[in-house]
Structures are given as C-alpha cells and as structure tokens.
PDB file of N, CA and C in Angstrom:
ATOM      1  N   MET A   1     110.761 112.744  95.665  1.00  0.00           N
ATOM      2  CA  MET A   1     110.915 111.894  96.704  1.00  0.00           C
ATOM      3  C   MET A   1     112.358 110.990  96.417  1.00  0.00           C
ATOM      4  N   SER A   2     113.172 111.037  97.249  1.00  0.00           N
ATOM      5  CA  SER A   2     114.363 110.150  96.899  1.00  0.00           C
ATOM      6  C   SER A   2     114.114 108.792  97.042  1.00  0.00           C
ATOM      7  N   SER A   3     115.133 108.051  96.615  1.00  0.00           N
ATOM      8  CA  SER A   3     114.916 106.551  96.365  1.00  0.00           C
ATOM      9  C   SER A   3     115.037 106.121  97.984  1.00  0.00           C
ATOM     10  N   ASN A   4     115.894 106.724  98.731  1.00  0.00           N
ATOM     11  CA  ASN A   4     116.050 106.163 100.209  1.00  0.00           C
ATOM     12  C   ASN A   4     114.726 106.235 101.022  1.00  0.00           C
ATOM     13  N   LYS A   5     114.208 107.363 100.665  1.00  0.00           N
ATOM     14  CA  LYS A   5     112.799 107.704 101.497  1.00  0.00           C
ATOM     15  C   LYS A   5     111.841 106.522 101.015  1.00  0.00           C
ATOM     16  N   LEU A   6     111.867 106.296  99.660  1.00  0.00           N
ATOM     17  CA  LEU A   6     110.925 105.370  99.139  1.00  0.00           C
ATOM     18  C   LEU A   6     111.146 103.873  99.736  1.00  0.00           C
ATOM     19  N   ILE A   7     112.233 103.610  99.738  1.00  0.00           N
ATOM     20  CA  ILE A   7     112.722 102.298 100.393  1.00  0.00           C
ATOM     21  C   ILE A   7     112.360 102.396 101.911  1.00  0.00           C
ATOM     22  N   GLY A   8     112.571 103.462 102.505  1.00  0.00           N
ATOM     23  CA  GLY A   8     112.360 103.385 103.854  1.00  0.00           C
ATOM     24  C   GLY A   8     110.789 103.311 104.203  1.00  0.00           C
ATOM     25  N   PHE A   9     110.026 104.157 103.374  1.00  0.00           N
ATOM     26  CA  PHE A   9     108.510 103.703 103.587  1.00  0.00           C
ATOM     27  C   PHE A   9     108.211 102.180 103.303  1.00  0.00           C
ATOM     28  N   VAL A  10     108.766 101.633 102.236  1.00  0.00           N
ATOM     29  CA  VAL A  10     108.720 100.230 102.008  1.00  0.00           C
ATOM     30  C   VAL A  10     108.917  99.384 103.154  1.00  0.00           C
ATOM     31  N   LEU A  11     110.077  99.574 103.678  1.00  0.00           N
ATOM     32  CA  LEU A  11     110.550  98.827 104.885  1.00  0.00           C
ATOM     33  C   LEU A  11     109.648  98.894 105.903  1.00  0.00           C
ATOM     34  N   LEU A  12     109.347 100.169 106.051  1.00  0.00           N
ATOM     35  CA  LEU A  12     108.457 100.503 107.272  1.00  0.00           C
ATOM     36  C   LEU A  12     107.087  99.872 107.131  1.00  0.00           C
ATOM     37  N   ALA A  13     106.443  99.661 106.048  1.00  0.00           N
ATOM     38  CA  ALA A  13     105.405  98.843 105.798  1.00  0.00           C
ATOM     39  C   ALA A  13     105.544  97.278 105.942  1.00  0.00           C
ATOM     40  N   VAL A  14     106.631  96.874 105.502  1.00  0.00           N
ATOM     41  CA  VAL A  14     107.082  95.456 105.711  1.00  0.00           C
ATOM     42  C   VAL A  14     107.239  95.153 107.082  1.00  0.00           C
ATOM     43  N   GLY A  15     107.935  96.050 107.962  1.00  0.00           N
ATOM     44  CA  GLY A  15     108.027  95.950 109.245  1.00  0.00           C
ATOM     45  C   GLY A  15     106.896  95.914 110.071  1.00  0.00           C
ATOM     46  N   ILE A  16     106.062  96.623 109.976  1.00  0.00           N
ATOM     47  CA  ILE A  16     104.623  96.719 110.570  1.00  0.00           C
ATOM     48  C   ILE A  16     103.826  95.353 110.165  1.00  0.00           C
ATOM     49  N   VAL A  17     103.764  94.873 108.903  1.00  0.00           N
ATOM     50  CA  VAL A  17     103.274  93.458 108.737  1.00  0.00           C
ATOM     51  C   VAL A  17     103.842  92.477 109.359  1.00  0.00           C
ATOM     52  N   LEU A  18     105.199  92.468 109.514  1.00  0.00           N
ATOM     53  CA  LEU A  18     105.762  91.351 110.360  1.00  0.00           C
ATOM     54  C   LEU A  18     105.434  91.380 111.910  1.00  0.00           C
ATOM     55  N   LEU A  19     105.453  92.587 112.590  1.00  0.00           N
ATOM     56  CA  LEU A  19     104.881  92.857 113.659  1.00  0.00           C
ATOM     57  C   LEU A  19     103.366  92.375 114.101  1.00  0.00           C
ATOM     58  N   VAL A  20     102.661  92.479 112.907  1.00  0.00           N
ATOM     59  CA  VAL A  20     101.282  91.904 113.109  1.00  0.00           C
ATOM     60  C   VAL A  20     101.392  90.368 112.907  1.00  0.00           C
ATOM     61  N   MET A  21     102.093  89.947 112.130  1.00  0.00           N
ATOM     62  CA  MET A  21     102.123  88.521 111.833  1.00  0.00           C
ATOM     63  C   MET A  21     102.681  87.735 113.102  1.00  0.00           C
ATOM     64  N   GLY A  22     103.569  88.516 113.858  1.00  0.00           N
ATOM     65  CA  GLY A  22     104.201  88.087 115.155  1.00  0.00           C
ATOM     66  C   GLY A  22     103.123  87.969 116.188  1.00  0.00           C
ATOM     67  N   TYR A  23     102.385  89.032 116.213  1.00  0.00           N
ATOM     68  CA  TYR A  23     101.052  89.075 117.034  1.00  0.00           C
ATOM     69  C   TYR A  23     100.098  87.968 116.781  1.00  0.00           C
ATOM     70  N   ASN A  24      99.792  87.699 115.475  1.00  0.00           N
ATOM     71  CA  ASN A  24      98.894  86.443 115.239  1.00  0.00           C
ATOM     72  C   ASN A  24      99.525  85.133 115.505  1.00  0.00           C
ATOM     73  N   ALA A  25     100.766  85.158 115.300  1.00  0.00           N
ATOM     74  CA  ALA A  25     101.392  83.733 115.638  1.00  0.00           C
ATOM     75  C   ALA A  25     101.543  83.482 117.130  1.00  0.00           C
ATOM     76  N   SER A  26     101.494  84.860 117.994  1.00  0.00           N
ATOM     77  CA  SER A  26     101.514  84.587 119.389  1.00  0.00           C
ATOM     78  C   SER A  26     100.223  84.291 119.845  1.00  0.00           C
ATOM     79  N   GLN A  27      99.220  84.652 119.193  1.00  0.00           N
ATOM     80  CA  GLN A  27      97.833  84.218 119.689  1.00  0.00           C
ATOM     81  C   GLN A  27      97.255  83.022 119.092  1.00  0.00           C
ATOM     82  N   SER A  28      98.116  82.253 118.433  1.00  0.00           N
ATOM     83  CA  SER A  28      97.512  80.928 117.828  1.00  0.00           C
ATOM     84  C   SER A  28      97.353  80.059 119.169  1.00  0.00           C
ATOM     85  N   VAL A  29      96.585  78.844 118.935  1.00  0.00           N
ATOM     86  CA  VAL A  29      96.356  77.950 119.865  1.00  0.00           C
ATOM     87  C   VAL A  29      97.637  77.228 120.179  1.00  0.00           C
ATOM     88  N   GLY A  30      98.452  76.731 119.392  1.00  0.00           N
ATOM     89  CA  GLY A  30      99.723  76.245 119.573  1.00  0.00           C
ATOM     90  C   GLY A  30     100.722  77.047 120.515  1.00  0.00           C
ATOM     91  N   SER A  31     100.805  78.230 120.068  1.00  0.00           N
ATOM     92  CA  SER A  31     101.573  79.140 120.876  1.00  0.00           C
ATOM     93  C   SER A  31     101.092  79.384 122.226  1.00  0.00           C
ATOM     94  N   GLN A  32      99.893  79.548 122.350  1.00  0.00           N
ATOM     95  CA  GLN A  32      99.259  79.698 123.685  1.00  0.00           C
ATOM     96  C   GLN A  32      99.502  78.187 124.563  1.00  0.00           C
ATOM     97  N   PHE A  33      99.372  77.296 123.947  1.00  0.00           N
ATOM     98  CA  PHE A  33      99.655  76.029 124.650  1.00  0.00           C
ATOM     99  C   PHE A  33     101.126  75.794 125.057  1.00  0.00           C
ATOM    100  N   LYS A  34     101.989  76.126 124.159  1.00  0.00           N
ATOM    101  CA  LYS A  34     103.414  76.263 124.399  1.00  0.00           C
ATOM    102  C   LYS A  34     103.782  77.241 125.644  1.00  0.00           C
ATOM    103  N   GLU A  35     103.196  78.482 125.575  1.00  0.00           N
ATOM    104  CA  GLU A  35     103.569  79.384 126.422  1.00  0.00           C
ATOM    105  C   GLU A  35     102.865  78.930 127.860  1.00  0.00           C
ATOM    106  N   ALA A  36     101.784  78.277 127.846  1.00  0.00           N
ATOM    107  CA  ALA A  36     101.145  77.978 129.232  1.00  0.00           C
ATOM    108  C   ALA A  36     102.140  76.885 129.898  1.00  0.00           C
ATOM    109  N   PHE A  37     102.843  76.052 129.146  1.00  0.00           N
ATOM    110  CA  PHE A  37     103.607  75.029 129.669  1.00  0.00           C
ATOM    111  C   PHE A  37     105.149  75.311 129.965  1.00  0.00           C
ATOM    112  N   SER A  38     105.654  76.252 128.814  1.00  0.00           N
ATOM    113  CA  SER A  38     106.908  76.472 129.007  1.00  0.00           C
ATOM    114  C   SER A  38     107.309  78.005 129.706  1.00  0.00           C
ATOM    115  N   GLY A  39     106.381  78.848 129.564  1.00  0.00           N
ATOM    116  CA  GLY A  39     106.515  80.080 129.889  1.00  0.00           C
ATOM    117  C   GLY A  39     107.067  81.200 128.941  1.00  0.00           C
ATOM    118  N   SER A  40     107.320  80.821 127.632  1.00  0.00           N
ATOM    119  CA  SER A  40     107.837  81.548 126.711  1.00  0.00           C
ATOM    120  C   SER A  40     107.175  81.354 125.418  1.00  0.00           C
ATOM    121  N   MET A  41     107.130  82.383 124.681  1.00  0.00           N
ATOM    122  CA  MET A  41     106.370  82.270 123.500  1.00  0.00           C
ATOM    123  C   MET A  41     107.146  81.468 122.428  1.00  0.00           C
ATOM    124  N   SER A  42     106.373  81.218 121.503  1.00  0.00           N
ATOM    125  CA  SER A  42     107.072  80.225 120.293  1.00  0.00           C
ATOM    126  C   SER A  42     108.194  81.069 119.628  1.00  0.00           C
ATOM    127  N   ASP A  43     108.914  80.268 119.078  1.00  0.00           N
ATOM    128  CA  ASP A  43     110.153  80.594 118.366  1.00  0.00           C
ATOM    129  C   ASP A  43     109.755  81.541 117.045  1.00  0.00           C
ATOM    130  N   LYS A  44     108.683  81.047 116.418  1.00  0.00           N
ATOM    131  CA  LYS A  44     108.157  81.719 115.331  1.00  0.00           C
ATOM    132  C   LYS A  44     107.597  83.054 115.498  1.00  0.00           C
ATOM    133  N   ALA A  45     106.936  83.281 116.580  1.00  0.00           N
ATOM    134  CA  ALA A  45     106.379  84.569 117.009  1.00  0.00           C
ATOM    135  C   ALA A  45     107.516  85.403 117.320  1.00  0.00           C
ATOM    136  N   THR A  46     108.553  84.957 118.186  1.00  0.00           N
ATOM    137  CA  THR A  46     109.593  85.739 118.646  1.00  0.00           C
ATOM    138  C   THR A  46     110.569  86.306 117.322  1.00  0.00           C
ATOM    139  N   LEU A  47     110.830  85.497 116.413  1.00  0.00           N
ATOM    140  CA  LEU A  47     111.480  85.850 115.142  1.00  0.00           C
ATOM    141  C   LEU A  47     110.657  86.861 114.504  1.00  0.00           C
ATOM    142  N   TYR A  48     109.313  86.862 114.303  1.00  0.00           N
ATOM    143  CA  TYR A  48     108.502  87.830 113.667  1.00  0.00           C
ATOM    144  C   TYR A  48     108.669  89.174 114.316  1.00  0.00           C
ATOM    145  N   TYR A  49     108.551  89.108 115.630  1.00  0.00           N
ATOM    146  CA  TYR A  49     108.762  90.286 116.510  1.00  0.00           C
ATOM    147  C   TYR A  49     110.057  90.996 116.413  1.00  0.00           C
ATOM    148  N   ILE A  50     111.083  90.141 116.457  1.00  0.00           N
ATOM    149  CA  ILE A  50     112.606  90.531 116.250  1.00  0.00           C
ATOM    150  C   ILE A  50     112.540  91.363 114.791  1.00  0.00           C
ATOM    151  N   GLY A  51     112.282  90.587 113.946  1.00  0.00           N
ATOM    152  CA  GLY A  51     112.458  90.889 112.532  1.00  0.00           C
ATOM    153  C   GLY A  51     111.700  92.124 112.133  1.00  0.00           C
ATOM    154  N   GLY A  52     110.527  92.307 112.667  1.00  0.00           N
ATOM    155  CA  GLY A  52     109.574  93.426 112.540  1.00  0.00           C
ATOM    156  C   GLY A  52     110.205  94.684 113.062  1.00  0.00           C
ATOM    157  N   ALA A  53     110.569  94.516 114.403  1.00  0.00           N
ATOM    158  CA  ALA A  53     111.306  95.685 115.042  1.00  0.00           C
ATOM    159  C   ALA A  53     112.351  96.126 114.332  1.00  0.00           C
ATOM    160  N   VAL A  54     113.223  95.339 113.885  1.00  0.00           N
ATOM    161  CA  VAL A  54     114.373  95.836 113.149  1.00  0.00           C
ATOM    162  C   VAL A  54     114.231  96.375 111.603  1.00  0.00           C
ATOM    163  N   VAL A  55     113.283  95.651 110.930  1.00  0.00           N
ATOM    164  CA  VAL A  55     112.968  96.331 109.551  1.00  0.00           C
ATOM    165  C   VAL A  55     112.183  97.617 109.837  1.00  0.00           C
ATOM    166  N   THR A  56     111.140  97.605 110.999  1.00  0.00           N
ATOM    167  CA  THR A  56     110.604  98.963 111.114  1.00  0.00           C
ATOM    168  C   THR A  56     111.407 100.067 111.514  1.00  0.00           C
ATOM    169  N   ALA A  57     112.531  99.728 112.568  1.00  0.00           N
ATOM    170  CA  ALA A  57     113.481 100.825 112.777  1.00  0.00           C
ATOM    171  C   ALA A  57     114.285 101.255 111.694  1.00  0.00           C
ATOM    172  N   VAL A  58     114.849 100.458 110.737  1.00  0.00           N
ATOM    173  CA  VAL A  58     115.507 100.648 109.424  1.00  0.00           C
ATOM    174  C   VAL A  58     114.694 101.489 108.761  1.00  0.00           C
ATOM    175  N   GLY A  59     113.397 101.112 108.490  1.00  0.00           N
ATOM    176  CA  GLY A  59     112.665 101.811 107.563  1.00  0.00           C
ATOM    177  C   GLY A  59     112.451 103.303 108.148  1.00  0.00           C
ATOM    178  N   ALA A  60     112.069 103.306 109.354  1.00  0.00           N
ATOM    179  CA  ALA A  60     111.880 104.709 109.888  1.00  0.00           C
ATOM    180  C   ALA A  60     112.845 105.629 109.808  1.00  0.00           C
ATOM    181  N   TYR A  61     114.092 104.922 110.000  1.00  0.00           N
ATOM    182  CA  TYR A  61     115.297 105.888 109.891  1.00  0.00           C
ATOM    183  C   TYR A  61     115.511 106.359 108.418  1.00  0.00           C
ATOM    184  N   LEU A  62     115.260 105.295 107.540  1.00  0.00           N
ATOM    185  CA  LEU A  62     115.405 105.805 106.123  1.00  0.00           C
ATOM    186  C   LEU A  62     114.493 106.769 105.779  1.00  0.00           C
ATOM    187  N   ALA A  63     113.282 106.540 106.154  1.00  0.00           N
ATOM    188  CA  ALA A  63     112.131 107.504 105.736  1.00  0.00           C
ATOM    189  C   ALA A  63     112.162 108.838 106.305  1.00  0.00           C
ATOM    190  N   PHE A  64     112.426 108.778 107.509  1.00  0.00           N
ATOM    191  CA  PHE A  64     112.351 110.264 108.308  1.00  0.00           C
ATOM    192  C   PHE A  64     113.824 110.878 108.719  1.00  0.00           C
ATOM    193  N   MET A  65     114.777 110.145 108.789  1.00  0.00           N
ATOM    194  CA  MET A  65     115.839 110.662 109.285  1.00  0.00           C
ATOM    195  C   MET A  65     117.003 111.024 108.268  1.00  0.00           C
ATOM    196  N   SER A  66     117.000 110.341 107.154  1.00  0.00           N
ATOM    197  CA  SER A  66     118.042 110.631 106.093  1.00  0.00           C
ATOM    198  C   SER A  66     117.758 111.880 105.517  1.00  0.00           C
ATOM    199  N   ARG A  67     118.935 112.547 105.184  1.00  0.00           N
ATOM    200  CA  ARG A  67     118.885 113.844 104.635  1.00  0.00           C
ATOM    201  C   ARG A  67     118.878 113.907 103.150  1.00  0.00           C
ATOM    202  N   LYS A  68     119.080 112.890 102.470  1.00  0.00           N
ATOM    203  CA  LYS A  68     119.325 112.860 100.995  1.00  0.00           C
ATOM    204  C   LYS A  68     118.121 112.852 100.403  1.00  0.00           C
TER     205      LYS A  68
END
C-alpha cells in the first residue's frame, strides 16, 4: 500500500469523525436553542460539518482515486 493511500484512509477516518462531531454539536441543547431563535445552526457545528466534508473528500480522493 502506497503512502498516499495510507494518508487517504487516515484522512477519511478523521473526516468521518469530524462529521460525527458536527452532528453531535448540532444536537446539543445550546445549538438547539440557538437554532430555534435564529434559524441557523451554531458556528461550531457548521465548522465541523464543512471541515469534515473537505477532509473526507480529500481522503477519499487519495485513498481511492490516486494511481500511485
């Protein structure tokens, strides 16, 4: 297994963890309270979702699409 594929799988795992953390942050009492009054989720949950999506996409590309 090449080092790019190994790094890709690690990034894929980290990205999934960030997405789960974003879900947990969006389900917290504080986030639910903020969403009820402002209509948008908390900044922390949003950052976890965006970071998780980017890291997961990069990890998937390195793990499955790279040819080396």
